[in-house]
């Protein structure tokens, strides 16, 4: 699923909280991804991003 967001998180703290919500919503995307799987790495990826991708296995 690709989600377009008007405004992504703009601070590291906001991004970390949103990353935790992403993990709760779609743990497969974090656990089984080829990308880094730490909360901090997920937060960096979504910081200021206007699009978020999710997938379930």
PDB file of N, CA and C in Angstrom:
ATOM      1  N   UNK A   1       0.844  -1.151   0.000  1.00  0.00           N
ATOM      2  CA  UNK A   1       0.000   0.000   0.000  1.00  0.00           C
ATOM      3  C   UNK A   1       0.903   1.231   0.000  1.00  0.00           C
ATOM      4  N   UNK A   2       0.588   2.169  -0.826  1.00  0.00           N
ATOM      5  CA  UNK A   2       1.323   3.429  -0.880  1.00  0.00           C
ATOM      6  C   UNK A   2       0.399   4.522  -0.343  1.00  0.00           C
ATOM      7  N   UNK A   3       0.876   5.260   0.639  1.00  0.00           N
ATOM      8  CA  UNK A   3       0.089   6.299   1.282  1.00  0.00           C
ATOM      9  C   UNK A   3       0.747   7.648   1.041  1.00  0.00           C
ATOM     10  N   UNK A   4      -0.007   8.574   0.487  1.00  0.00           N
ATOM     11  CA  UNK A   4       0.483   9.926   0.283  1.00  0.00           C
ATOM     12  C   UNK A   4       0.094  10.762   1.495  1.00  0.00           C
ATOM     13  N   UNK A   5       1.055  11.473   2.064  1.00  0.00           N
ATOM     14  CA  UNK A   5       0.783  12.306   3.234  1.00  0.00           C
ATOM     15  C   UNK A   5       1.075  13.761   2.896  1.00  0.00           C
ATOM     16  N   UNK A   6       0.236  14.636   3.374  1.00  0.00           N
ATOM     17  CA  UNK A   6       0.406  16.057   3.085  1.00  0.00           C
ATOM     18  C   UNK A   6       1.677  16.596   3.738  1.00  0.00           C
ATOM     19  N   UNK A   7       1.912  16.208   4.975  1.00  0.00           N
ATOM     20  CA  UNK A   7       3.083  16.670   5.704  1.00  0.00           C
ATOM     21  C   UNK A   7       3.610  15.533   6.560  1.00  0.00           C
ATOM     22  N   UNK A   8       4.802  15.077   6.249  1.00  0.00           N
ATOM     23  CA  UNK A   8       5.437  14.053   7.075  1.00  0.00           C
ATOM     24  C   UNK A   8       6.011  14.676   8.330  1.00  0.00           C
ATOM     25  N   UNK A   9       6.499  13.848   9.240  1.00  0.00           N
ATOM     26  CA  UNK A   9       7.097  14.392  10.463  1.00  0.00           C
ATOM     27  C   UNK A   9       8.284  15.293  10.121  1.00  0.00           C
ATOM     28  N   UNK A  10       8.430  16.368  10.879  1.00  0.00           N
ATOM     29  CA  UNK A  10       9.478  17.347  10.579  1.00  0.00           C
ATOM     30  C   UNK A  10      10.601  17.380  11.612  1.00  0.00           C
ATOM     31  N   UNK A  11      10.438  16.662  12.708  1.00  0.00           N
ATOM     32  CA  UNK A  11      11.504  16.582  13.714  1.00  0.00           C
ATOM     33  C   UNK A  11      11.827  15.114  13.964  1.00  0.00           C
ATOM     34  N   UNK A  12      13.003  14.868  14.517  1.00  0.00           N
ATOM     35  CA  UNK A  12      13.413  13.491  14.808  1.00  0.00           C
ATOM     36  C   UNK A  12      12.460  12.841  15.813  1.00  0.00           C
ATOM     37  N   UNK A  13      12.009  13.601  16.801  1.00  0.00           N
ATOM     38  CA  UNK A  13      11.085  13.059  17.799  1.00  0.00           C
ATOM     39  C   UNK A  13       9.756  12.649  17.187  1.00  0.00           C
ATOM     40  N   UNK A  14       9.211  13.510  16.324  1.00  0.00           N
ATOM     41  CA  UNK A  14       7.959  13.182  15.637  1.00  0.00           C
ATOM     42  C   UNK A  14       8.151  11.955  14.758  1.00  0.00           C
ATOM     43  N   UNK A  15       9.252  11.902  14.036  1.00  0.00           N
ATOM     44  CA  UNK A  15       9.511  10.781  13.135  1.00  0.00           C
ATOM     45  C   UNK A  15       9.627   9.468  13.906  1.00  0.00           C
ATOM     46  N   UNK A  16      10.225   9.506  15.068  1.00  0.00           N
ATOM     47  CA  UNK A  16      10.360   8.300  15.884  1.00  0.00           C
ATOM     48  C   UNK A  16       8.993   7.815  16.364  1.00  0.00           C
ATOM     49  N   UNK A  17       8.136   8.739  16.751  1.00  0.00           N
ATOM     50  CA  UNK A  17       6.780   8.345  17.175  1.00  0.00           C
ATOM     51  C   UNK A  17       5.986   7.765  16.009  1.00  0.00           C
ATOM     52  N   UNK A  18       6.097   8.378  14.824  1.00  0.00           N
ATOM     53  CA  UNK A  18       5.390   7.868  13.648  1.00  0.00           C
ATOM     54  C   UNK A  18       5.959   6.506  13.248  1.00  0.00           C
ATOM     55  N   UNK A  19       7.267   6.322  13.352  1.00  0.00           N
ATOM     56  CA  UNK A  19       7.881   5.031  13.035  1.00  0.00           C
ATOM     57  C   UNK A  19       7.324   3.934  13.946  1.00  0.00           C
ATOM     58  N   UNK A  20       7.098   4.244  15.206  1.00  0.00           N
ATOM     59  CA  UNK A  20       6.500   3.272  16.129  1.00  0.00           C
ATOM     60  C   UNK A  20       5.077   2.922  15.690  1.00  0.00           C
ATOM     61  N   UNK A  21       4.328   3.907  15.206  1.00  0.00           N
ATOM     62  CA  UNK A  21       2.986   3.646  14.702  1.00  0.00           C
ATOM     63  C   UNK A  21       3.045   2.795  13.439  1.00  0.00           C
ATOM     64  N   UNK A  22       4.014   3.054  12.572  1.00  0.00           N
ATOM     65  CA  UNK A  22       4.172   2.237  11.360  1.00  0.00           C
ATOM     66  C   UNK A  22       4.430   0.786  11.734  1.00  0.00           C
ATOM     67  N   UNK A  23       5.287   0.562  12.722  1.00  0.00           N
ATOM     68  CA  UNK A  23       5.586  -0.796  13.154  1.00  0.00           C
ATOM     69  C   UNK A  23       4.339  -1.475  13.707  1.00  0.00           C
ATOM     70  N   UNK A  24       3.542  -0.766  14.499  1.00  0.00           N
ATOM     71  CA  UNK A  24       2.314  -1.345  15.055  1.00  0.00           C
ATOM     72  C   UNK A  24       1.308  -1.679  13.947  1.00  0.00           C
ATOM     73  N   UNK A  25       1.248  -0.838  12.924  1.00  0.00           N
ATOM     74  CA  UNK A  25       0.305  -1.014  11.816  1.00  0.00           C
ATOM     75  C   UNK A  25       0.761  -2.098  10.848  1.00  0.00           C
ATOM     76  N   UNK A  26       2.064  -2.166  10.600  1.00  0.00           N
ATOM     77  CA  UNK A  26       2.594  -3.052   9.555  1.00  0.00           C
ATOM     78  C   UNK A  26       3.954  -3.611   9.965  1.00  0.00           C
ATOM     79  N   UNK A  27       3.995  -4.542  10.918  1.00  0.00           N
ATOM     80  CA  UNK A  27       5.286  -5.053  11.384  1.00  0.00           C
ATOM     81  C   UNK A  27       6.081  -5.786  10.298  1.00  0.00           C
ATOM     82  N   UNK A  28       5.424  -6.396   9.325  1.00  0.00           N
ATOM     83  CA  UNK A  28       6.150  -7.087   8.251  1.00  0.00           C
ATOM     84  C   UNK A  28       7.075  -6.134   7.506  1.00  0.00           C
ATOM     85  N   UNK A  29       6.632  -4.913   7.298  1.00  0.00           N
ATOM     86  CA  UNK A  29       7.423  -3.931   6.555  1.00  0.00           C
ATOM     87  C   UNK A  29       8.745  -3.648   7.252  1.00  0.00           C
ATOM     88  N   UNK A  30       8.750  -3.706   8.567  1.00  0.00           N
ATOM     89  CA  UNK A  30       9.955  -3.432   9.336  1.00  0.00           C
ATOM     90  C   UNK A  30      10.767  -4.712   9.538  1.00  0.00           C
ATOM     91  N   UNK A  31      10.114  -5.783   9.939  1.00  0.00           N
ATOM     92  CA  UNK A  31      10.820  -7.025  10.268  1.00  0.00           C
ATOM     93  C   UNK A  31      11.430  -7.719   9.049  1.00  0.00           C
ATOM     94  N   UNK A  32      10.759  -7.655   7.903  1.00  0.00           N
ATOM     95  CA  UNK A  32      11.186  -8.432   6.753  1.00  0.00           C
ATOM     96  C   UNK A  32      11.765  -7.576   5.633  1.00  0.00           C
ATOM     97  N   UNK A  33      12.018  -6.355   5.919  1.00  0.00           N
ATOM     98  CA  UNK A  33      12.524  -5.426   4.913  1.00  0.00           C
ATOM     99  C   UNK A  33      14.015  -5.595   4.683  1.00  0.00           C
ATOM    100  N   UNK A  34      14.480  -5.263   3.485  1.00  0.00           N
ATOM    101  CA  UNK A  34      15.920  -5.242   3.204  1.00  0.00           C
ATOM    102  C   UNK A  34      16.536  -3.956   3.736  1.00  0.00           C
ATOM    103  N   UNK A  35      15.701  -2.979   4.070  1.00  0.00           N
ATOM    104  CA  UNK A  35      16.188  -1.717   4.637  1.00  0.00           C
ATOM    105  C   UNK A  35      16.524  -1.922   6.112  1.00  0.00           C
ATOM    106  N   UNK A  36      17.290  -1.019   6.715  1.00  0.00           N
ATOM    107  CA  UNK A  36      17.578  -1.134   8.151  1.00  0.00           C
ATOM    108  C   UNK A  36      16.281  -1.242   8.959  1.00  0.00           C
ATOM    109  N   UNK A  37      16.324  -2.039  10.008  1.00  0.00           N
ATOM    110  CA  UNK A  37      15.104  -2.351  10.725  1.00  0.00           C
ATOM    111  C   UNK A  37      15.017  -1.754  12.123  1.00  0.00           C
ATOM    112  N   UNK A  38      15.861  -0.817  12.448  1.00  0.00           N
ATOM    113  CA  UNK A  38      15.778  -0.192  13.762  1.00  0.00           C
ATOM    114  C   UNK A  38      14.749   0.936  13.724  1.00  0.00           C
ATOM    115  N   UNK A  39      14.147   1.273  14.862  1.00  0.00           N
ATOM    116  CA  UNK A  39      13.211   2.402  14.880  1.00  0.00           C
ATOM    117  C   UNK A  39      13.859   3.695  14.392  1.00  0.00           C
ATOM    118  N   UNK A  40      15.109   3.920  14.754  1.00  0.00           N
ATOM    119  CA  UNK A  40      15.791   5.144  14.325  1.00  0.00           C
ATOM    120  C   UNK A  40      15.962   5.182  12.806  1.00  0.00           C
ATOM    121  N   UNK A  41      16.289   4.042  12.200  1.00  0.00           N
ATOM    122  CA  UNK A  41      16.450   3.985  10.744  1.00  0.00           C
ATOM    123  C   UNK A  41      15.117   4.222  10.045  1.00  0.00           C
ATOM    124  N   UNK A  42      14.054   3.663  10.591  1.00  0.00           N
ATOM    125  CA  UNK A  42      12.721   3.897  10.022  1.00  0.00           C
ATOM    126  C   UNK A  42      12.350   5.368  10.148  1.00  0.00           C
ATOM    127  N   UNK A  43      12.659   5.960  11.281  1.00  0.00           N
ATOM    128  CA  UNK A  43      12.358   7.373  11.490  1.00  0.00           C
ATOM    129  C   UNK A  43      13.109   8.247  10.498  1.00  0.00           C
ATOM    130  N   UNK A  44      14.372   7.940  10.243  1.00  0.00           N
ATOM    131  CA  UNK A  44      15.150   8.707   9.262  1.00  0.00           C
ATOM    132  C   UNK A  44      14.529   8.619   7.878  1.00  0.00           C
ATOM    133  N   UNK A  45      14.020   7.434   7.543  1.00  0.00           N
ATOM    134  CA  UNK A  45      13.443   7.213   6.219  1.00  0.00           C
ATOM    135  C   UNK A  45      12.161   8.016   6.015  1.00  0.00           C
ATOM    136  N   UNK A  46      11.386   8.235   7.073  1.00  0.00           N
ATOM    137  CA  UNK A  46      10.103   8.929   6.908  1.00  0.00           C
ATOM    138  C   UNK A  46      10.170  10.415   7.255  1.00  0.00           C
ATOM    139  N   UNK A  47      11.296  10.871   7.791  1.00  0.00           N
ATOM    140  CA  UNK A  47      11.432  12.271   8.165  1.00  0.00           C
ATOM    141  C   UNK A  47      11.228  13.164   6.938  1.00  0.00           C
ATOM    142  N   UNK A  48      10.172  13.938   6.937  1.00  0.00           N
ATOM    143  CA  UNK A  48       9.866  14.851   5.845  1.00  0.00           C
ATOM    144  C   UNK A  48       9.337  14.192   4.586  1.00  0.00           C
ATOM    145  N   UNK A  49       9.143  12.888   4.604  1.00  0.00           N
ATOM    146  CA  UNK A  49       8.677  12.177   3.413  1.00  0.00           C
ATOM    147  C   UNK A  49       7.198  12.458   3.148  1.00  0.00           C
ATOM    148  N   UNK A  50       6.844  12.572   1.896  1.00  0.00           N
ATOM    149  CA  UNK A  50       5.457  12.809   1.499  1.00  0.00           C
ATOM    150  C   UNK A  50       4.752  11.542   1.059  1.00  0.00           C
ATOM    151  N   UNK A  51       5.479  10.413   1.119  1.00  0.00           N
ATOM    152  CA  UNK A  51       4.878   9.140   0.729  1.00  0.00           C
ATOM    153  C   UNK A  51       5.441   8.050   1.627  1.00  0.00           C
ATOM    154  N   UNK A  52       4.547   7.188   2.119  1.00  0.00           N
ATOM    155  CA  UNK A  52       4.955   6.055   2.928  1.00  0.00           C
ATOM    156  C   UNK A  52       4.462   4.793   2.251  1.00  0.00           C
ATOM    157  N   UNK A  53       5.307   3.773   2.199  1.00  0.00           N
ATOM    158  CA  UNK A  53       4.950   2.490   1.591  1.00  0.00           C
ATOM    159  C   UNK A  53       4.848   1.436   2.681  1.00  0.00           C
ATOM    160  N   UNK A  54       3.823   0.596   2.541  1.00  0.00           N
ATOM    161  CA  UNK A  54       3.612  -0.522   3.481  1.00  0.00           C
ATOM    162  C   UNK A  54       3.411  -1.788   2.664  1.00  0.00           C
ATOM    163  N   UNK A  55       3.842  -2.908   3.207  1.00  0.00           N
ATOM    164  CA  UNK A  55       3.525  -4.178   2.585  1.00  0.00           C
ATOM    165  C   UNK A  55       3.439  -5.248   3.664  1.00  0.00           C
ATOM    166  N   UNK A  56       2.630  -6.242   3.395  1.00  0.00           N
ATOM    167  CA  UNK A  56       2.447  -7.367   4.316  1.00  0.00           C
ATOM    168  C   UNK A  56       2.820  -8.631   3.573  1.00  0.00           C
ATOM    169  N   UNK A  57       3.447  -9.527   4.273  1.00  0.00           N
ATOM    170  CA  UNK A  57       3.837 -10.797   3.672  1.00  0.00           C
ATOM    171  C   UNK A  57       2.821 -11.855   3.982  1.00  0.00           C
TER     172      UNK A  57
END
